[in-house]
Amino acid sequence: MTLFTEDDLGELIGKPVTESRGAMVERVVWGWLKPILDLEDRPDPVPDELFSWAVELGGIAHENPIGLSGKATGPFSEQFSGLRDRRETILKDVRQWAAAQGDDTAAAPGGSFPEAPCYPDPAW
């Protein structure tokens, strides 16, 4: 199961996407979403909300795969500064959505913590 197909991505960005490029972009997006969703596998079926965020993140990854802030070729220049902000906004929205779905791990701190001592401490 995938979050979106190369055809979905191509429709969004308005140009064809090869199967290999689409697969790479989908893997990048899953890499961004997996720790937030705390899932081992992609959901099947993909909820509409998650699909829309994933394919938009795919567009960002496709258009600016290495996270440049801008580029210039001869007299032409292109700025990408809004893409990083948009990606962070989407990931924040996904975190909130996952928490609202009852996935407490999406908003909980990670790691392991020692057992809290009882109070008052009997060693005193």
N, C-alpha and C. Protein backbone atom coordinates (compact mmCIF):
# COMPACT_ATOMS: atom_id res chain seq x y z
N MET A 1 0.84 -1.18 0.00
CA MET A 1 0.00 0.00 0.00
C MET A 1 0.88 1.24 0.00
N THR A 2 0.48 2.23 -0.73
CA THR A 2 1.20 3.50 -0.74
C THR A 2 0.28 4.62 -0.30
N LEU A 3 0.87 5.73 0.11
CA LEU A 3 0.09 6.90 0.51
C LEU A 3 -0.56 7.56 -0.69
N PHE A 4 0.16 7.54 -1.83
CA PHE A 4 -0.33 8.11 -3.09
C PHE A 4 0.48 7.48 -4.22
N THR A 5 -0.01 7.61 -5.44
CA THR A 5 0.68 7.05 -6.60
C THR A 5 1.38 8.16 -7.38
N GLU A 6 2.21 7.76 -8.33
CA GLU A 6 2.86 8.76 -9.19
C GLU A 6 1.83 9.52 -10.01
N ASP A 7 0.71 8.87 -10.35
CA ASP A 7 -0.35 9.56 -11.08
C ASP A 7 -1.00 10.64 -10.22
N ASP A 8 -1.24 10.33 -8.93
CA ASP A 8 -1.78 11.33 -8.01
C ASP A 8 -0.85 12.53 -7.91
N LEU A 9 0.43 12.25 -7.76
CA LEU A 9 1.42 13.32 -7.64
C LEU A 9 1.49 14.14 -8.92
N GLY A 10 1.48 13.46 -10.07
CA GLY A 10 1.51 14.15 -11.35
C GLY A 10 0.31 15.05 -11.55
N GLU A 11 -0.86 14.60 -11.12
CA GLU A 11 -2.06 15.43 -11.22
C GLU A 11 -1.91 16.69 -10.37
N LEU A 12 -1.35 16.54 -9.19
CA LEU A 12 -1.20 17.68 -8.29
C LEU A 12 -0.23 18.71 -8.86
N ILE A 13 0.92 18.27 -9.33
CA ILE A 13 1.94 19.22 -9.78
C ILE A 13 1.78 19.63 -11.24
N GLY A 14 0.90 18.93 -11.97
CA GLY A 14 0.61 19.33 -13.34
C GLY A 14 1.61 18.88 -14.37
N LYS A 15 2.37 17.83 -14.06
CA LYS A 15 3.29 17.25 -15.04
C LYS A 15 3.50 15.78 -14.71
N PRO A 16 3.84 14.99 -15.73
CA PRO A 16 4.01 13.55 -15.49
C PRO A 16 5.16 13.26 -14.51
N VAL A 17 4.98 12.21 -13.74
CA VAL A 17 5.99 11.75 -12.79
C VAL A 17 6.27 10.29 -13.10
N THR A 18 7.55 9.94 -13.23
CA THR A 18 7.89 8.54 -13.52
C THR A 18 7.57 7.66 -12.31
N GLU A 19 7.42 6.39 -12.57
CA GLU A 19 7.12 5.44 -11.49
C GLU A 19 8.22 5.44 -10.43
N SER A 20 9.49 5.45 -10.87
CA SER A 20 10.59 5.41 -9.91
C SER A 20 10.67 6.70 -9.10
N ARG A 21 10.46 7.84 -9.74
CA ARG A 21 10.48 9.13 -9.03
C ARG A 21 9.31 9.20 -8.05
N GLY A 22 8.13 8.75 -8.48
CA GLY A 22 6.96 8.74 -7.60
C GLY A 22 7.18 7.87 -6.38
N ALA A 23 7.80 6.70 -6.59
CA ALA A 23 8.08 5.79 -5.47
C ALA A 23 9.07 6.42 -4.49
N MET A 24 10.10 7.09 -5.02
CA MET A 24 11.09 7.73 -4.16
C MET A 24 10.45 8.85 -3.33
N VAL A 25 9.65 9.68 -3.99
CA VAL A 25 8.98 10.78 -3.29
C VAL A 25 8.04 10.23 -2.22
N GLU A 26 7.29 9.18 -2.53
CA GLU A 26 6.37 8.59 -1.56
C GLU A 26 7.13 8.06 -0.35
N ARG A 27 8.31 7.48 -0.57
CA ARG A 27 9.13 6.98 0.55
C ARG A 27 9.63 8.12 1.42
N VAL A 28 10.00 9.23 0.79
CA VAL A 28 10.45 10.41 1.55
C VAL A 28 9.30 10.92 2.43
N VAL A 29 8.12 11.03 1.84
CA VAL A 29 6.95 11.51 2.59
C VAL A 29 6.64 10.55 3.74
N TRP A 30 6.70 9.24 3.49
CA TRP A 30 6.44 8.28 4.56
C TRP A 30 7.49 8.44 5.66
N GLY A 31 8.70 8.74 5.30
CA GLY A 31 9.75 8.99 6.30
C GLY A 31 9.43 10.18 7.19
N TRP A 32 8.79 11.19 6.63
CA TRP A 32 8.37 12.35 7.43
C TRP A 32 7.18 12.01 8.32
N LEU A 33 6.24 11.21 7.80
CA LEU A 33 4.99 10.95 8.52
C LEU A 33 5.07 9.79 9.52
N LYS A 34 5.89 8.81 9.25
CA LYS A 34 5.93 7.60 10.08
C LYS A 34 6.18 7.89 11.56
N PRO A 35 7.16 8.72 11.92
CA PRO A 35 7.36 8.96 13.36
C PRO A 35 6.20 9.72 14.01
N ILE A 36 5.52 10.54 13.24
CA ILE A 36 4.38 11.29 13.78
C ILE A 36 3.21 10.35 14.01
N LEU A 37 2.95 9.47 13.04
CA LEU A 37 1.81 8.56 13.13
C LEU A 37 2.10 7.36 14.02
N ASP A 38 3.39 7.10 14.27
CA ASP A 38 3.82 5.97 15.10
C ASP A 38 3.24 4.65 14.59
N LEU A 39 3.34 4.45 13.28
CA LEU A 39 2.87 3.22 12.64
C LEU A 39 4.05 2.51 11.98
N GLU A 40 3.99 1.21 11.94
CA GLU A 40 5.02 0.44 11.23
C GLU A 40 4.74 0.41 9.72
N ASP A 41 3.47 0.32 9.36
CA ASP A 41 3.08 0.22 7.95
C ASP A 41 2.15 1.36 7.59
N ARG A 42 2.13 1.66 6.31
CA ARG A 42 1.22 2.69 5.80
C ARG A 42 -0.22 2.23 6.02
N PRO A 43 -1.09 3.15 6.38
CA PRO A 43 -2.48 2.76 6.61
C PRO A 43 -3.16 2.29 5.32
N ASP A 44 -4.05 1.34 5.46
CA ASP A 44 -4.79 0.82 4.30
C ASP A 44 -6.24 0.62 4.74
N PRO A 45 -7.15 1.42 4.28
CA PRO A 45 -7.02 2.50 3.30
C PRO A 45 -6.43 3.76 3.94
N VAL A 46 -5.94 4.65 3.09
CA VAL A 46 -5.38 5.92 3.55
C VAL A 46 -6.55 6.90 3.75
N PRO A 47 -6.73 7.42 4.98
CA PRO A 47 -7.81 8.40 5.20
C PRO A 47 -7.63 9.62 4.29
N ASP A 48 -8.74 10.22 3.90
CA ASP A 48 -8.69 11.37 3.00
C ASP A 48 -7.81 12.49 3.51
N GLU A 49 -7.89 12.80 4.81
CA GLU A 49 -7.08 13.88 5.37
C GLU A 49 -5.59 13.57 5.19
N LEU A 50 -5.22 12.34 5.51
CA LEU A 50 -3.82 11.94 5.40
C LEU A 50 -3.37 11.94 3.95
N PHE A 51 -4.23 11.48 3.04
CA PHE A 51 -3.90 11.50 1.62
C PHE A 51 -3.59 12.92 1.15
N SER A 52 -4.44 13.87 1.52
CA SER A 52 -4.24 15.24 1.03
C SER A 52 -2.94 15.82 1.56
N TRP A 53 -2.63 15.57 2.82
CA TRP A 53 -1.35 16.07 3.35
C TRP A 53 -0.18 15.35 2.69
N ALA A 54 -0.30 14.04 2.53
CA ALA A 54 0.80 13.27 1.96
C ALA A 54 1.11 13.68 0.52
N VAL A 55 0.08 13.86 -0.30
CA VAL A 55 0.34 14.21 -1.69
C VAL A 55 0.88 15.65 -1.79
N GLU A 56 0.44 16.54 -0.90
CA GLU A 56 1.02 17.89 -0.90
C GLU A 56 2.47 17.86 -0.45
N LEU A 57 2.77 17.06 0.57
CA LEU A 57 4.17 16.88 0.97
C LEU A 57 4.97 16.27 -0.18
N GLY A 58 4.34 15.37 -0.94
CA GLY A 58 5.00 14.79 -2.11
C GLY A 58 5.34 15.86 -3.14
N GLY A 59 4.43 16.80 -3.36
CA GLY A 59 4.71 17.90 -4.27
C GLY A 59 5.89 18.73 -3.81
N ILE A 60 5.97 18.97 -2.50
CA ILE A 60 7.10 19.72 -1.95
C ILE A 60 8.39 18.94 -2.14
N ALA A 61 8.37 17.65 -1.82
CA ALA A 61 9.57 16.82 -1.98
C ALA A 61 9.98 16.70 -3.45
N HIS A 62 9.01 16.62 -4.35
CA HIS A 62 9.32 16.49 -5.78
C HIS A 62 9.94 17.77 -6.32
N GLU A 63 9.36 18.92 -5.96
CA GLU A 63 9.83 20.20 -6.50
C GLU A 63 11.13 20.66 -5.88
N ASN A 64 11.42 20.25 -4.66
CA ASN A 64 12.62 20.70 -3.97
C ASN A 64 13.18 19.57 -3.11
N PRO A 65 13.71 18.52 -3.75
CA PRO A 65 14.07 17.30 -3.02
C PRO A 65 15.17 17.46 -1.98
N ILE A 66 16.05 18.42 -2.15
CA ILE A 66 17.14 18.54 -1.17
C ILE A 66 16.98 19.76 -0.27
N GLY A 67 15.81 20.38 -0.30
CA GLY A 67 15.51 21.45 0.64
C GLY A 67 16.26 22.76 0.39
N LEU A 68 16.51 23.10 -0.86
CA LEU A 68 17.17 24.37 -1.16
C LEU A 68 16.28 25.54 -0.77
N SER A 69 16.90 26.66 -0.42
CA SER A 69 16.10 27.86 -0.16
C SER A 69 15.85 28.64 -1.44
N GLY A 70 16.66 28.38 -2.46
CA GLY A 70 16.48 29.02 -3.76
C GLY A 70 17.54 28.54 -4.73
N LYS A 71 17.36 28.89 -6.00
CA LYS A 71 18.37 28.53 -6.99
C LYS A 71 18.33 29.57 -8.10
N ALA A 72 19.46 29.72 -8.77
CA ALA A 72 19.56 30.66 -9.89
C ALA A 72 20.27 29.98 -11.05
N THR A 73 19.72 30.16 -12.24
CA THR A 73 20.32 29.66 -13.46
C THR A 73 20.33 30.81 -14.46
N GLY A 74 21.51 31.36 -14.70
CA GLY A 74 21.58 32.51 -15.59
C GLY A 74 20.75 33.65 -15.02
N PRO A 75 19.93 34.28 -15.83
CA PRO A 75 19.14 35.41 -15.35
C PRO A 75 17.87 35.00 -14.57
N PHE A 76 17.61 33.70 -14.46
CA PHE A 76 16.40 33.23 -13.80
C PHE A 76 16.71 32.75 -12.38
N SER A 77 15.85 33.10 -11.45
CA SER A 77 16.02 32.63 -10.07
C SER A 77 14.67 32.14 -9.55
N GLU A 78 14.75 31.26 -8.59
CA GLU A 78 13.54 30.68 -8.00
C GLU A 78 13.76 30.57 -6.50
N GLN A 79 12.78 31.00 -5.70
CA GLN A 79 12.87 30.94 -4.25
C GLN A 79 11.95 29.84 -3.72
N PHE A 80 12.44 29.07 -2.75
CA PHE A 80 11.66 27.97 -2.18
C PHE A 80 11.37 28.18 -0.70
N SER A 81 11.58 29.38 -0.18
CA SER A 81 11.49 29.60 1.26
C SER A 81 10.12 29.20 1.84
N GLY A 82 9.05 29.39 1.10
CA GLY A 82 7.73 29.05 1.61
C GLY A 82 7.49 27.56 1.73
N LEU A 83 8.23 26.74 0.97
CA LEU A 83 8.01 25.30 1.00
C LEU A 83 8.37 24.69 2.34
N ARG A 84 9.48 25.13 2.93
CA ARG A 84 9.87 24.59 4.23
C ARG A 84 8.83 24.95 5.28
N ASP A 85 8.35 26.18 5.26
CA ASP A 85 7.32 26.60 6.20
C ASP A 85 6.05 25.80 6.00
N ARG A 86 5.67 25.59 4.74
CA ARG A 86 4.45 24.83 4.45
C ARG A 86 4.59 23.39 4.94
N ARG A 87 5.78 22.78 4.71
CA ARG A 87 6.00 21.41 5.18
C ARG A 87 5.85 21.32 6.68
N GLU A 88 6.43 22.26 7.41
CA GLU A 88 6.32 22.26 8.87
C GLU A 88 4.87 22.44 9.32
N THR A 89 4.12 23.28 8.62
CA THR A 89 2.70 23.48 8.95
C THR A 89 1.92 22.19 8.74
N ILE A 90 2.17 21.51 7.62
CA ILE A 90 1.48 20.25 7.35
C ILE A 90 1.81 19.22 8.41
N LEU A 91 3.08 19.08 8.77
CA LEU A 91 3.48 18.09 9.77
C LEU A 91 2.84 18.41 11.13
N LYS A 92 2.73 19.68 11.46
CA LYS A 92 2.05 20.08 12.69
C LYS A 92 0.57 19.68 12.64
N ASP A 93 -0.06 19.92 11.49
CA ASP A 93 -1.47 19.54 11.32
C ASP A 93 -1.65 18.03 11.45
N VAL A 94 -0.72 17.26 10.90
CA VAL A 94 -0.80 15.80 10.99
C VAL A 94 -0.67 15.36 12.45
N ARG A 95 0.24 15.99 13.20
CA ARG A 95 0.39 15.67 14.62
C ARG A 95 -0.93 15.90 15.37
N GLN A 96 -1.54 17.05 15.12
CA GLN A 96 -2.81 17.37 15.79
C GLN A 96 -3.91 16.39 15.38
N TRP A 97 -3.96 16.06 14.11
CA TRP A 97 -4.96 15.12 13.61
C TRP A 97 -4.77 13.75 14.25
N ALA A 98 -3.52 13.28 14.29
CA ALA A 98 -3.24 11.96 14.87
C ALA A 98 -3.62 11.94 16.35
N ALA A 99 -3.35 13.02 17.06
CA ALA A 99 -3.72 13.09 18.48
C ALA A 99 -5.23 13.05 18.64
N ALA A 100 -5.94 13.73 17.75
CA ALA A 100 -7.41 13.75 17.82
C ALA A 100 -8.03 12.40 17.45
N GLN A 101 -7.29 11.58 16.72
CA GLN A 101 -7.78 10.26 16.33
C GLN A 101 -7.65 9.26 17.47
N GLY A 102 -7.11 9.71 18.60
CA GLY A 102 -6.94 8.81 19.73
C GLY A 102 -5.57 8.20 19.80
N ASP A 103 -4.66 8.65 18.95
CA ASP A 103 -3.29 8.15 18.97
C ASP A 103 -2.50 9.00 19.94
N ASP A 104 -2.56 8.64 21.21
CA ASP A 104 -1.89 9.43 22.24
C ASP A 104 -0.39 9.48 22.05
N THR A 105 0.19 8.50 21.37
CA THR A 105 1.64 8.49 21.19
C THR A 105 2.10 9.59 20.26
N ALA A 106 1.22 10.15 19.43
CA ALA A 106 1.62 11.21 18.51
C ALA A 106 1.94 12.49 19.26
N ALA A 107 1.35 12.71 20.42
CA ALA A 107 1.59 13.93 21.17
C ALA A 107 2.40 13.67 22.44
N ALA A 108 2.69 12.41 22.74
CA ALA A 108 3.38 12.07 23.97
C ALA A 108 4.90 12.14 23.78
N PRO A 109 5.62 12.41 24.86
CA PRO A 109 7.08 12.40 24.74
C PRO A 109 7.57 10.99 24.44
N GLY A 110 8.66 10.88 23.71
CA GLY A 110 9.22 9.58 23.38
C GLY A 110 10.27 9.17 24.40
N GLY A 111 10.72 7.94 24.33
CA GLY A 111 11.77 7.47 25.22
C GLY A 111 11.21 6.72 26.40
N SER A 112 12.12 6.33 27.29
CA SER A 112 11.68 5.63 28.51
C SER A 112 12.08 6.48 29.71
N PHE A 113 11.26 6.41 30.72
CA PHE A 113 11.48 7.24 31.89
C PHE A 113 11.45 6.34 33.12
N PRO A 114 12.30 6.63 34.14
CA PRO A 114 12.30 5.80 35.35
C PRO A 114 11.00 5.99 36.13
N GLU A 115 10.69 5.01 36.95
CA GLU A 115 9.51 5.09 37.80
C GLU A 115 9.67 6.28 38.75
N ALA A 116 8.61 7.05 38.91
CA ALA A 116 8.66 8.20 39.81
C ALA A 116 8.77 7.72 41.24
N PRO A 117 9.59 8.38 42.06
CA PRO A 117 9.72 7.96 43.46
C PRO A 117 8.44 8.27 44.22
N CYS A 118 8.15 7.48 45.24
CA CYS A 118 6.98 7.76 46.07
C CYS A 118 7.30 8.93 46.99
N TYR A 119 6.26 9.58 47.46
CA TYR A 119 6.46 10.72 48.32
C TYR A 119 5.68 10.49 49.61
N PRO A 120 6.16 10.71 50.73
CA PRO A 120 7.54 11.12 50.98
C PRO A 120 8.52 9.97 50.78
N ASP A 121 9.72 10.30 50.43
CA ASP A 121 10.75 9.31 50.14
C ASP A 121 11.08 8.56 51.42
N PRO A 122 10.90 7.21 51.41
CA PRO A 122 11.15 6.44 52.64
C PRO A 122 12.62 6.43 53.05
N ALA A 123 13.52 6.82 52.14
CA ALA A 123 14.94 6.83 52.48
C ALA A 123 15.30 8.00 53.38
N TRP A 124 14.39 8.95 53.56
CA TRP A 124 14.70 10.13 54.38
C TRP A 124 14.39 9.87 55.78
